[in-house]
Protein backbone atom coordinates (compact mmCIF):
# COMPACT_ATOMS: atom_id res chain seq x y z
CA UNK A 1 118.76 116.89 86.69
CA UNK A 2 119.84 114.44 89.36
CA UNK A 3 118.50 115.05 92.95
CA UNK A 4 119.85 112.41 95.81
CA UNK A 5 116.83 112.70 97.62
CA UNK A 6 113.03 113.20 96.59
CA UNK A 7 110.79 113.85 100.26
CA UNK A 8 107.17 113.51 99.19
CA UNK A 9 104.66 114.93 102.18
CA UNK A 10 101.07 113.95 100.64
CA UNK A 11 99.35 111.22 98.80
CA UNK A 12 99.37 112.82 95.78
CA UNK A 13 102.42 114.20 95.52
CA UNK A 14 103.68 110.36 96.46
CA UNK A 15 101.70 109.53 93.24
CA UNK A 16 102.52 112.09 90.87
CA UNK A 17 106.18 112.90 91.47
CA UNK A 18 108.13 109.94 90.12
CA UNK A 19 106.84 110.79 86.84
CA UNK A 20 108.40 114.71 86.80
CA UNK A 21 111.72 113.86 88.54
CA UNK A 22 113.25 110.67 87.09
CA UNK A 23 117.03 111.01 87.72
CA UNK A 24 115.91 110.19 92.10
CA UNK A 25 118.88 108.24 94.62
CA UNK A 26 116.25 107.81 97.12
CA UNK A 27 113.15 108.58 98.10
CA UNK A 28 111.21 108.92 101.22
CA UNK A 29 107.67 109.75 101.87
CA UNK A 30 106.16 111.02 104.60
CA UNK A 31 102.78 111.03 105.17
CA UNK A 32 101.59 114.04 106.54
CA UNK A 33 98.06 116.30 106.43
CA UNK A 34 96.74 117.73 103.52
CA UNK A 35 96.13 122.44 104.74
CA UNK A 36 94.13 122.29 102.13
CA UNK A 37 91.49 119.37 103.85
CA UNK A 38 91.19 121.39 107.07
CA UNK A 39 87.61 122.26 107.18
CA UNK A 40 86.87 125.21 110.23
CA UNK A 41 86.50 129.62 111.46
CA UNK A 42 90.63 130.96 109.75
CA UNK A 43 91.92 130.53 113.31
CA UNK A 44 91.13 126.64 113.66
CA UNK A 45 93.23 126.11 110.33
CA UNK A 46 95.52 128.29 111.44
CA UNK A 47 95.94 126.35 114.40
CA UNK A 48 96.45 122.75 113.27
CA UNK A 49 98.86 124.14 109.91
CA UNK A 50 101.35 125.39 112.83
CA UNK A 51 100.46 121.49 114.37
CA UNK A 52 101.52 120.40 110.75
CA UNK A 53 104.81 122.54 110.63
CA UNK A 54 105.41 121.28 113.64
CA UNK A 55 105.81 118.22 113.14
CA UNK A 56 107.12 118.29 109.55
CA UNK A 57 110.06 120.71 111.81
CA UNK A 58 111.23 117.09 114.56
CA UNK A 59 111.00 114.62 111.62
CA UNK A 60 113.43 116.79 109.38
CA UNK A 61 115.85 117.31 112.88
CA UNK A 62 114.28 113.40 113.48
CA UNK A 63 115.69 112.48 109.72
CA UNK A 64 118.72 114.74 109.63
CA UNK A 65 120.43 113.49 113.13
CA UNK A 66 119.30 110.46 111.68
CA UNK A 67 122.42 111.08 108.68
CA UNK A 68 125.94 110.01 108.44
CA UNK A 69 128.14 112.70 107.32
């Protein structure tokens, strides 16, 4: 199966995905913090997770706006 884009968002995925998805036209690496590494109360972890979610949304929105459709 061909994939037009592969976007990885953590170093571990960036390291492992090339062998998993061999037929890719474009590879992008967007380095975001891994939510598994968050420490603190559940409320603190949830707040941090939401920050990362919002950063991802901004990155995707910007990237899509730059695409030449």
